[in-house]
C-alpha cells in the first residue's frame, strides 16, 4: 500500500506552533506534495513532491532517452 499526503495548503501550517499537531503522522506518508504558491507567494507552478524512497523518484524522473546520455552510465543522484 502506498500512502500519499496531498499537503498542497496544509504542510506550511506546521511551521506554526498552534498547528504542528495537525501534522502528526505525516512521517508515515510514502509521498507528500505541497504547492509553494499557497503560502510562499511563489509562481503558481512552484510545486514540490517529496518521495520517501529515493529509488522511486529516480525511476520516475530518470532520463532514459538514448540521445540524451550515454547508454549504461548511471547518474550519481
N, C-alpha and C. Protein backbone atom coordinates (compact mmCIF):
# COMPACT_ATOMS: atom_id res chain seq x y z
N UNK A 1 0.83 -1.16 0.00
CA UNK A 1 0.00 0.00 0.00
C UNK A 1 0.89 1.24 0.00
N UNK A 2 0.48 2.24 -0.75
CA UNK A 2 1.20 3.50 -0.85
C UNK A 2 0.36 4.58 -0.19
N UNK A 3 0.96 5.31 0.73
CA UNK A 3 0.24 6.40 1.41
C UNK A 3 0.77 7.73 0.89
N UNK A 4 -0.13 8.49 0.27
CA UNK A 4 0.24 9.80 -0.26
C UNK A 4 -0.50 10.88 0.53
N UNK A 5 0.21 11.95 0.86
CA UNK A 5 -0.40 13.09 1.54
C UNK A 5 -0.38 14.28 0.60
N UNK A 6 -1.56 14.75 0.23
CA UNK A 6 -1.68 15.96 -0.57
C UNK A 6 -1.73 17.12 0.41
N UNK A 7 -0.58 17.70 0.66
CA UNK A 7 -0.47 18.79 1.63
C UNK A 7 -0.32 20.12 0.93
N UNK A 8 -1.03 20.27 -0.18
CA UNK A 8 -0.91 21.46 -1.01
C UNK A 8 -1.01 22.75 -0.21
N UNK A 9 -1.91 22.80 0.72
CA UNK A 9 -2.09 24.00 1.51
C UNK A 9 -1.61 23.83 2.94
N UNK A 10 -1.84 22.67 3.52
CA UNK A 10 -1.65 22.49 4.94
C UNK A 10 -0.25 22.25 5.45
N UNK A 11 0.68 21.83 4.62
CA UNK A 11 2.01 21.49 5.12
C UNK A 11 2.69 22.67 5.81
N UNK A 12 2.56 23.84 5.24
CA UNK A 12 3.23 25.00 5.82
C UNK A 12 2.61 25.44 7.14
N UNK A 13 1.39 24.98 7.44
CA UNK A 13 0.79 25.28 8.74
C UNK A 13 1.63 24.67 9.86
N UNK A 14 2.39 23.64 9.55
CA UNK A 14 3.25 23.00 10.53
C UNK A 14 4.37 23.90 11.02
N UNK A 15 4.58 25.01 10.36
CA UNK A 15 5.58 25.97 10.80
C UNK A 15 5.10 26.77 12.01
N UNK A 16 3.80 26.74 12.23
CA UNK A 16 3.21 27.49 13.34
C UNK A 16 2.97 26.55 14.51
N UNK A 17 3.41 26.95 15.69
CA UNK A 17 3.28 26.11 16.88
C UNK A 17 1.84 25.66 17.13
N UNK A 18 0.88 26.52 16.87
CA UNK A 18 -0.52 26.18 17.13
C UNK A 18 -1.05 25.06 16.23
N UNK A 19 -0.37 24.80 15.11
CA UNK A 19 -0.89 23.83 14.15
C UNK A 19 0.01 22.62 13.93
N UNK A 20 1.17 22.58 14.56
CA UNK A 20 2.10 21.47 14.37
C UNK A 20 1.45 20.12 14.62
N UNK A 21 0.62 20.03 15.63
CA UNK A 21 -0.01 18.75 15.97
C UNK A 21 -0.93 18.24 14.88
N UNK A 22 -1.40 19.12 14.01
CA UNK A 22 -2.27 18.71 12.90
C UNK A 22 -1.53 17.83 11.90
N UNK A 23 -0.20 17.87 11.94
CA UNK A 23 0.61 17.09 11.01
C UNK A 23 1.14 15.80 11.62
N UNK A 24 0.69 15.46 12.82
CA UNK A 24 1.12 14.21 13.44
C UNK A 24 0.80 13.03 12.52
N UNK A 25 1.78 12.19 12.29
CA UNK A 25 1.61 11.02 11.44
C UNK A 25 2.02 11.23 10.00
N UNK A 26 2.32 12.46 9.62
CA UNK A 26 2.70 12.72 8.23
C UNK A 26 3.97 11.97 7.84
N UNK A 27 4.79 11.63 8.84
CA UNK A 27 6.03 10.89 8.57
C UNK A 27 5.74 9.48 8.07
N UNK A 28 4.52 9.01 8.20
CA UNK A 28 4.14 7.69 7.69
C UNK A 28 3.86 7.71 6.19
N UNK A 29 3.78 8.88 5.62
CA UNK A 29 3.49 9.02 4.19
C UNK A 29 4.66 8.52 3.35
N UNK A 30 4.33 7.88 2.24
CA UNK A 30 5.35 7.47 1.28
C UNK A 30 5.70 8.63 0.35
N UNK A 31 4.74 9.52 0.15
CA UNK A 31 4.99 10.70 -0.67
C UNK A 31 4.12 11.85 -0.16
N UNK A 32 4.62 13.05 -0.39
CA UNK A 32 3.92 14.26 0.03
C UNK A 32 4.08 15.30 -1.08
N UNK A 33 3.00 15.98 -1.41
CA UNK A 33 3.11 17.10 -2.34
C UNK A 33 2.67 18.37 -1.64
N UNK A 34 3.26 19.46 -2.06
CA UNK A 34 2.93 20.77 -1.49
C UNK A 34 3.04 21.82 -2.60
N UNK A 35 2.16 22.80 -2.55
CA UNK A 35 2.19 23.90 -3.51
C UNK A 35 2.76 25.13 -2.82
N UNK A 36 3.93 25.54 -3.25
CA UNK A 36 4.62 26.67 -2.60
C UNK A 36 3.88 27.99 -2.80
N UNK A 37 3.09 28.10 -3.85
CA UNK A 37 2.40 29.37 -4.10
C UNK A 37 1.29 29.64 -3.09
N UNK A 38 0.86 28.62 -2.37
CA UNK A 38 -0.23 28.82 -1.41
C UNK A 38 0.18 29.72 -0.24
N UNK A 39 1.42 29.55 0.23
CA UNK A 39 1.87 30.34 1.38
C UNK A 39 3.13 31.15 1.09
N UNK A 40 3.95 30.67 0.18
CA UNK A 40 5.26 31.30 -0.01
C UNK A 40 5.28 32.35 -1.11
N UNK A 41 4.12 32.61 -1.72
CA UNK A 41 4.00 33.64 -2.75
C UNK A 41 4.97 33.43 -3.91
N UNK A 42 5.11 32.19 -4.33
CA UNK A 42 5.93 31.87 -5.49
C UNK A 42 5.02 31.68 -6.70
N UNK A 43 5.57 31.58 -7.91
CA UNK A 43 4.72 31.37 -9.09
C UNK A 43 3.83 30.14 -8.92
N UNK A 44 2.70 30.16 -9.58
CA UNK A 44 1.68 29.12 -9.43
C UNK A 44 2.22 27.71 -9.66
N UNK A 45 3.12 27.57 -10.61
CA UNK A 45 3.62 26.22 -10.90
C UNK A 45 4.80 25.81 -10.02
N UNK A 46 4.99 26.46 -8.91
CA UNK A 46 6.06 26.11 -7.97
C UNK A 46 5.57 25.07 -6.98
N UNK A 47 5.61 23.81 -7.37
CA UNK A 47 5.16 22.72 -6.51
C UNK A 47 6.34 21.82 -6.16
N UNK A 48 6.20 21.08 -5.07
CA UNK A 48 7.26 20.18 -4.61
C UNK A 48 6.65 18.82 -4.33
N UNK A 49 7.37 17.79 -4.73
CA UNK A 49 6.95 16.42 -4.41
C UNK A 49 8.08 15.74 -3.65
N UNK A 50 7.77 15.26 -2.48
CA UNK A 50 8.73 14.52 -1.67
C UNK A 50 8.37 13.04 -1.75
N UNK A 51 9.37 12.20 -1.98
CA UNK A 51 9.16 10.76 -2.00
C UNK A 51 10.12 10.14 -1.01
N UNK A 52 9.59 9.32 -0.11
CA UNK A 52 10.40 8.76 0.97
C UNK A 52 11.55 7.91 0.45
N UNK A 53 11.27 7.07 -0.54
CA UNK A 53 12.32 6.18 -1.06
C UNK A 53 12.87 6.73 -2.37
N UNK A 54 14.12 7.08 -2.34
CA UNK A 54 14.80 7.72 -3.47
C UNK A 54 14.66 6.91 -4.76
N UNK A 55 14.69 5.59 -4.67
CA UNK A 55 14.67 4.76 -5.88
C UNK A 55 13.42 5.01 -6.73
N UNK A 56 12.31 5.34 -6.10
CA UNK A 56 11.09 5.59 -6.86
C UNK A 56 11.15 6.94 -7.57
N UNK A 57 11.69 7.93 -6.92
CA UNK A 57 11.85 9.25 -7.53
C UNK A 57 12.78 9.16 -8.74
N UNK A 58 13.88 8.44 -8.58
CA UNK A 58 14.85 8.29 -9.66
C UNK A 58 14.23 7.53 -10.83
N UNK A 59 13.49 6.47 -10.54
CA UNK A 59 12.88 5.66 -11.60
C UNK A 59 11.88 6.45 -12.42
N UNK A 60 11.11 7.31 -11.78
CA UNK A 60 10.09 8.07 -12.48
C UNK A 60 10.70 9.18 -13.33
N UNK A 61 11.68 9.88 -12.79
CA UNK A 61 12.22 11.05 -13.48
C UNK A 61 13.56 10.80 -14.17
N UNK A 62 13.95 9.56 -14.25
CA UNK A 62 15.22 9.22 -14.88
C UNK A 62 15.17 9.51 -16.38
N UNK A 63 16.26 10.03 -16.88
CA UNK A 63 16.37 10.32 -18.30
C UNK A 63 16.78 9.04 -19.02
N UNK A 64 15.86 8.45 -19.77
CA UNK A 64 16.19 7.20 -20.48
C UNK A 64 16.22 7.38 -21.99
N UNK A 65 16.12 8.61 -22.45
CA UNK A 65 16.21 8.86 -23.88
C UNK A 65 17.65 8.62 -24.33
N UNK A 66 17.87 7.67 -25.25
CA UNK A 66 19.23 7.31 -25.62
C UNK A 66 20.05 8.45 -26.23
N UNK A 67 19.41 9.43 -26.78
CA UNK A 67 20.14 10.53 -27.40
C UNK A 67 20.56 11.61 -26.39
N UNK A 68 20.16 11.48 -25.13
CA UNK A 68 20.50 12.49 -24.14
C UNK A 68 21.61 12.09 -23.18
N UNK A 69 21.92 10.83 -23.06
CA UNK A 69 23.02 10.42 -22.19
C UNK A 69 23.62 9.12 -22.72
N UNK A 70 24.77 8.79 -22.22
CA UNK A 70 25.46 7.61 -22.69
C UNK A 70 24.79 6.35 -22.16
N UNK A 71 24.59 5.36 -23.01
CA UNK A 71 23.99 4.10 -22.56
C UNK A 71 24.84 3.44 -21.47
N UNK A 72 24.20 2.96 -20.44
CA UNK A 72 24.90 2.25 -19.38
C UNK A 72 25.52 3.13 -18.32
N UNK A 73 25.47 4.44 -18.48
CA UNK A 73 26.05 5.35 -17.49
C UNK A 73 24.95 5.79 -16.54
N UNK A 74 25.12 5.47 -15.28
CA UNK A 74 24.14 5.85 -14.27
C UNK A 74 24.43 7.26 -13.76
N UNK A 75 23.38 7.99 -13.43
CA UNK A 75 23.57 9.31 -12.84
C UNK A 75 23.96 9.16 -11.38
N UNK A 76 24.74 10.08 -10.83
CA UNK A 76 25.21 9.95 -9.44
C UNK A 76 24.14 10.29 -8.41
N UNK A 77 22.97 10.75 -8.81
CA UNK A 77 21.95 11.11 -7.83
C UNK A 77 20.75 10.21 -7.88
